[in-house]
Amino acid sequence: MNEKEAREYISELFSIVGTNSVLVVLPRGKLKRLYCPFWVIAKVDVPPLEKGKEYTVEAVKMTLHLQDVFIIERKAYLVWYFAVKV
């Protein structure tokens, strides 16, 4: 997928789901929507963020490589570095 196609896909996707929430699957299979701001816990050190500390997600975005990112302290971090606190 080229950059133009990625931008179009992201634009269409976020017109449906938005950038202010995520869907989380709970242990018993229930689905829950969390709206920003919500809390996450860093699973690894991602300077300047530290493993084990809690952070507030300001928004949810997507890179041009179609990877989801959390916006924390006005910077983008890949979502798999965090556990969502429900």
N, C-alpha and C. Protein backbone atom coordinates (compact mmCIF):
# COMPACT_ATOMS: atom_id res chain seq x y z
N MET A 1 0.85 -1.17 0.00
CA MET A 1 0.00 0.00 0.00
C MET A 1 0.90 1.24 0.00
N ASN A 2 0.64 2.15 -0.93
CA ASN A 2 1.46 3.35 -0.98
C ASN A 2 0.93 4.39 0.03
N GLU A 3 1.67 5.49 0.15
CA GLU A 3 1.32 6.51 1.16
C GLU A 3 -0.06 7.10 0.93
N LYS A 4 -0.41 7.37 -0.30
CA LYS A 4 -1.73 7.95 -0.61
C LYS A 4 -2.84 6.98 -0.20
N GLU A 5 -2.69 5.71 -0.54
CA GLU A 5 -3.69 4.70 -0.17
C GLU A 5 -3.79 4.57 1.35
N ALA A 6 -2.64 4.60 2.03
CA ALA A 6 -2.64 4.51 3.49
C ALA A 6 -3.38 5.69 4.11
N ARG A 7 -3.11 6.91 3.60
CA ARG A 7 -3.79 8.10 4.12
C ARG A 7 -5.30 8.00 3.91
N GLU A 8 -5.72 7.53 2.74
CA GLU A 8 -7.16 7.38 2.45
C GLU A 8 -7.79 6.34 3.38
N TYR A 9 -7.10 5.22 3.58
CA TYR A 9 -7.60 4.17 4.46
C TYR A 9 -7.75 4.69 5.89
N ILE A 10 -6.72 5.37 6.38
CA ILE A 10 -6.76 5.91 7.75
C ILE A 10 -7.87 6.94 7.89
N SER A 11 -8.02 7.80 6.91
CA SER A 11 -9.07 8.82 6.95
C SER A 11 -10.46 8.17 7.00
N GLU A 12 -10.65 7.16 6.17
CA GLU A 12 -11.94 6.45 6.17
C GLU A 12 -12.18 5.72 7.49
N LEU A 13 -11.15 5.04 7.99
CA LEU A 13 -11.27 4.30 9.23
C LEU A 13 -11.65 5.22 10.39
N PHE A 14 -10.93 6.34 10.52
CA PHE A 14 -11.18 7.23 11.65
C PHE A 14 -12.46 8.04 11.48
N SER A 15 -13.04 8.07 10.29
CA SER A 15 -14.37 8.69 10.15
C SER A 15 -15.43 7.78 10.75
N ILE A 16 -15.10 6.49 10.90
CA ILE A 16 -16.02 5.51 11.48
C ILE A 16 -15.77 5.33 12.97
N VAL A 17 -14.51 5.10 13.36
CA VAL A 17 -14.21 4.77 14.75
C VAL A 17 -13.70 5.94 15.57
N GLY A 18 -13.17 6.98 14.96
CA GLY A 18 -12.68 8.14 15.71
C GLY A 18 -11.33 7.90 16.35
N THR A 19 -10.81 8.97 16.94
CA THR A 19 -9.49 8.90 17.56
C THR A 19 -9.56 9.12 19.07
N ASN A 20 -10.78 9.09 19.59
CA ASN A 20 -10.95 9.39 21.01
C ASN A 20 -11.32 8.19 21.86
N SER A 21 -11.18 6.97 21.31
CA SER A 21 -11.53 5.78 22.10
C SER A 21 -10.87 4.54 21.54
N VAL A 22 -10.89 3.49 22.37
CA VAL A 22 -10.44 2.16 21.94
C VAL A 22 -11.47 1.14 22.41
N LEU A 23 -11.49 0.00 21.74
CA LEU A 23 -12.31 -1.13 22.17
C LEU A 23 -11.40 -2.13 22.84
N VAL A 24 -11.78 -2.58 24.03
CA VAL A 24 -10.98 -3.53 24.80
C VAL A 24 -11.80 -4.78 25.02
N VAL A 25 -11.19 -5.95 24.81
CA VAL A 25 -11.86 -7.22 25.08
C VAL A 25 -11.54 -7.60 26.53
N LEU A 26 -12.58 -7.70 27.34
CA LEU A 26 -12.42 -8.06 28.75
C LEU A 26 -12.22 -9.56 28.89
N PRO A 27 -11.76 -10.04 30.06
CA PRO A 27 -11.46 -11.47 30.23
C PRO A 27 -12.59 -12.43 29.86
N ARG A 28 -13.81 -12.08 30.11
CA ARG A 28 -14.93 -12.99 29.79
C ARG A 28 -15.47 -12.79 28.38
N GLY A 29 -14.71 -12.06 27.55
CA GLY A 29 -15.10 -11.87 26.17
C GLY A 29 -15.99 -10.67 25.91
N LYS A 30 -16.32 -9.92 26.95
CA LYS A 30 -17.13 -8.72 26.76
C LYS A 30 -16.28 -7.63 26.14
N LEU A 31 -16.93 -6.79 25.36
CA LEU A 31 -16.27 -5.68 24.70
C LEU A 31 -16.60 -4.40 25.44
N LYS A 32 -15.59 -3.57 25.68
CA LYS A 32 -15.80 -2.31 26.39
C LYS A 32 -15.08 -1.21 25.65
N ARG A 33 -15.77 -0.08 25.46
CA ARG A 33 -15.15 1.08 24.83
C ARG A 33 -14.62 2.00 25.92
N LEU A 34 -13.35 2.38 25.80
CA LEU A 34 -12.73 3.34 26.71
C LEU A 34 -12.49 4.63 25.94
N TYR A 35 -12.97 5.73 26.50
CA TYR A 35 -12.80 7.03 25.86
C TYR A 35 -11.58 7.75 26.45
N CYS A 36 -10.90 8.49 25.62
CA CYS A 36 -9.77 9.30 26.06
C CYS A 36 -10.27 10.43 26.95
N PRO A 37 -9.53 10.75 27.98
CA PRO A 37 -8.28 10.11 28.38
C PRO A 37 -8.54 8.82 29.14
N PHE A 38 -7.72 7.81 28.91
CA PHE A 38 -7.76 6.58 29.69
C PHE A 38 -6.32 6.23 30.07
N TRP A 39 -6.20 5.32 31.03
CA TRP A 39 -4.89 4.99 31.60
C TRP A 39 -4.30 3.73 30.98
N VAL A 40 -2.98 3.74 30.81
CA VAL A 40 -2.23 2.57 30.38
C VAL A 40 -1.02 2.41 31.29
N ILE A 41 -0.47 1.21 31.31
CA ILE A 41 0.74 0.92 32.08
C ILE A 41 1.82 0.48 31.09
N ALA A 42 2.98 1.11 31.17
CA ALA A 42 4.08 0.78 30.27
C ALA A 42 4.60 -0.63 30.59
N LYS A 43 4.69 -1.49 29.56
CA LYS A 43 5.20 -2.85 29.73
C LYS A 43 6.72 -2.90 29.58
N VAL A 44 7.28 -1.89 28.95
CA VAL A 44 8.73 -1.80 28.75
C VAL A 44 9.15 -0.33 28.89
N ASP A 45 10.43 -0.11 29.05
CA ASP A 45 10.94 1.26 29.02
C ASP A 45 10.89 1.77 27.59
N VAL A 46 10.25 2.90 27.40
CA VAL A 46 10.21 3.58 26.10
C VAL A 46 10.55 5.03 26.41
N PRO A 47 11.84 5.34 26.50
CA PRO A 47 12.25 6.67 26.97
C PRO A 47 11.45 7.79 26.30
N PRO A 48 10.98 8.72 27.09
CA PRO A 48 11.22 8.93 28.51
C PRO A 48 10.25 8.17 29.43
N LEU A 49 9.36 7.34 28.87
CA LEU A 49 8.40 6.60 29.69
C LEU A 49 9.09 5.40 30.33
N GLU A 50 8.64 5.06 31.55
CA GLU A 50 9.29 3.99 32.30
C GLU A 50 8.37 2.80 32.52
N LYS A 51 8.93 1.61 32.43
CA LYS A 51 8.21 0.36 32.64
C LYS A 51 7.53 0.38 34.01
N GLY A 52 6.25 -0.05 34.02
CA GLY A 52 5.51 -0.15 35.27
C GLY A 52 4.78 1.11 35.68
N LYS A 53 5.07 2.23 35.06
CA LYS A 53 4.39 3.47 35.42
C LYS A 53 3.13 3.65 34.59
N GLU A 54 2.19 4.40 35.15
CA GLU A 54 0.91 4.67 34.48
C GLU A 54 0.98 5.98 33.73
N TYR A 55 0.31 5.99 32.56
CA TYR A 55 0.28 7.18 31.71
C TYR A 55 -1.13 7.36 31.16
N THR A 56 -1.45 8.59 30.82
CA THR A 56 -2.76 8.93 30.27
C THR A 56 -2.67 9.01 28.75
N VAL A 57 -3.57 8.32 28.08
CA VAL A 57 -3.64 8.37 26.62
C VAL A 57 -4.55 9.53 26.23
N GLU A 58 -3.99 10.44 25.44
CA GLU A 58 -4.72 11.62 25.00
C GLU A 58 -5.54 11.37 23.74
N ALA A 59 -5.03 10.47 22.88
CA ALA A 59 -5.70 10.16 21.61
C ALA A 59 -5.14 8.84 21.08
N VAL A 60 -5.85 8.29 20.11
CA VAL A 60 -5.43 7.05 19.44
C VAL A 60 -5.29 7.39 17.96
N LYS A 61 -4.13 7.08 17.39
CA LYS A 61 -3.88 7.40 15.97
C LYS A 61 -3.32 6.17 15.27
N MET A 62 -2.93 6.36 13.99
CA MET A 62 -2.37 5.26 13.20
C MET A 62 -1.25 5.82 12.33
N THR A 63 -0.15 5.07 12.24
CA THR A 63 0.96 5.49 11.39
C THR A 63 0.63 5.17 9.93
N LEU A 64 1.44 5.70 9.03
CA LEU A 64 1.25 5.39 7.61
C LEU A 64 1.59 3.94 7.29
N HIS A 65 2.20 3.23 8.25
CA HIS A 65 2.46 1.80 8.10
C HIS A 65 1.33 0.99 8.73
N LEU A 66 0.21 1.68 9.05
CA LEU A 66 -1.00 1.10 9.61
C LEU A 66 -0.77 0.44 10.96
N GLN A 67 0.06 1.07 11.79
CA GLN A 67 0.29 0.61 13.16
C GLN A 67 -0.41 1.57 14.11
N ASP A 68 -1.17 1.01 15.05
CA ASP A 68 -1.87 1.85 16.03
C ASP A 68 -0.88 2.43 17.02
N VAL A 69 -1.11 3.69 17.39
CA VAL A 69 -0.28 4.36 18.38
C VAL A 69 -1.15 5.10 19.38
N PHE A 70 -0.65 5.20 20.61
CA PHE A 70 -1.26 6.02 21.63
C PHE A 70 -0.52 7.34 21.68
N ILE A 71 -1.24 8.43 21.82
CA ILE A 71 -0.62 9.73 22.01
C ILE A 71 -0.57 9.97 23.52
N ILE A 72 0.65 10.06 24.05
CA ILE A 72 0.90 10.25 25.48
C ILE A 72 1.88 11.41 25.60
N GLU A 73 1.50 12.39 26.39
CA GLU A 73 2.35 13.57 26.56
C GLU A 73 2.75 14.16 25.21
N ARG A 74 1.78 14.20 24.29
CA ARG A 74 1.90 14.79 22.95
C ARG A 74 2.87 14.06 22.03
N LYS A 75 3.24 12.80 22.37
CA LYS A 75 4.10 12.00 21.51
C LYS A 75 3.42 10.67 21.21
N ALA A 76 3.76 10.07 20.06
CA ALA A 76 3.15 8.82 19.63
C ALA A 76 4.00 7.63 20.06
N TYR A 77 3.32 6.60 20.63
CA TYR A 77 3.99 5.37 21.06
C TYR A 77 3.18 4.18 20.56
N LEU A 78 3.85 3.16 20.07
CA LEU A 78 3.15 1.96 19.59
C LEU A 78 2.36 1.33 20.73
N VAL A 79 1.15 0.88 20.43
CA VAL A 79 0.24 0.41 21.47
C VAL A 79 0.74 -0.83 22.18
N TRP A 80 1.53 -1.68 21.54
CA TRP A 80 1.93 -2.93 22.18
C TRP A 80 2.95 -2.73 23.29
N TYR A 81 3.41 -1.50 23.50
CA TYR A 81 4.29 -1.20 24.63
C TYR A 81 3.52 -0.98 25.92
N PHE A 82 2.18 -1.08 25.85
CA PHE A 82 1.34 -0.73 26.99
C PHE A 82 0.25 -1.76 27.26
N ALA A 83 -0.14 -1.83 28.52
CA ALA A 83 -1.33 -2.60 28.91
C ALA A 83 -2.40 -1.56 29.27
N VAL A 84 -3.58 -1.74 28.74
CA VAL A 84 -4.67 -0.82 29.02
C VAL A 84 -5.22 -1.11 30.40
N LYS A 85 -5.37 -0.10 31.20
CA LYS A 85 -5.91 -0.24 32.55
C LYS A 85 -7.43 -0.08 32.47
N VAL A 86 -8.13 -1.15 32.80
CA VAL A 86 -9.61 -1.13 32.72
C VAL A 86 -10.19 -0.99 34.10
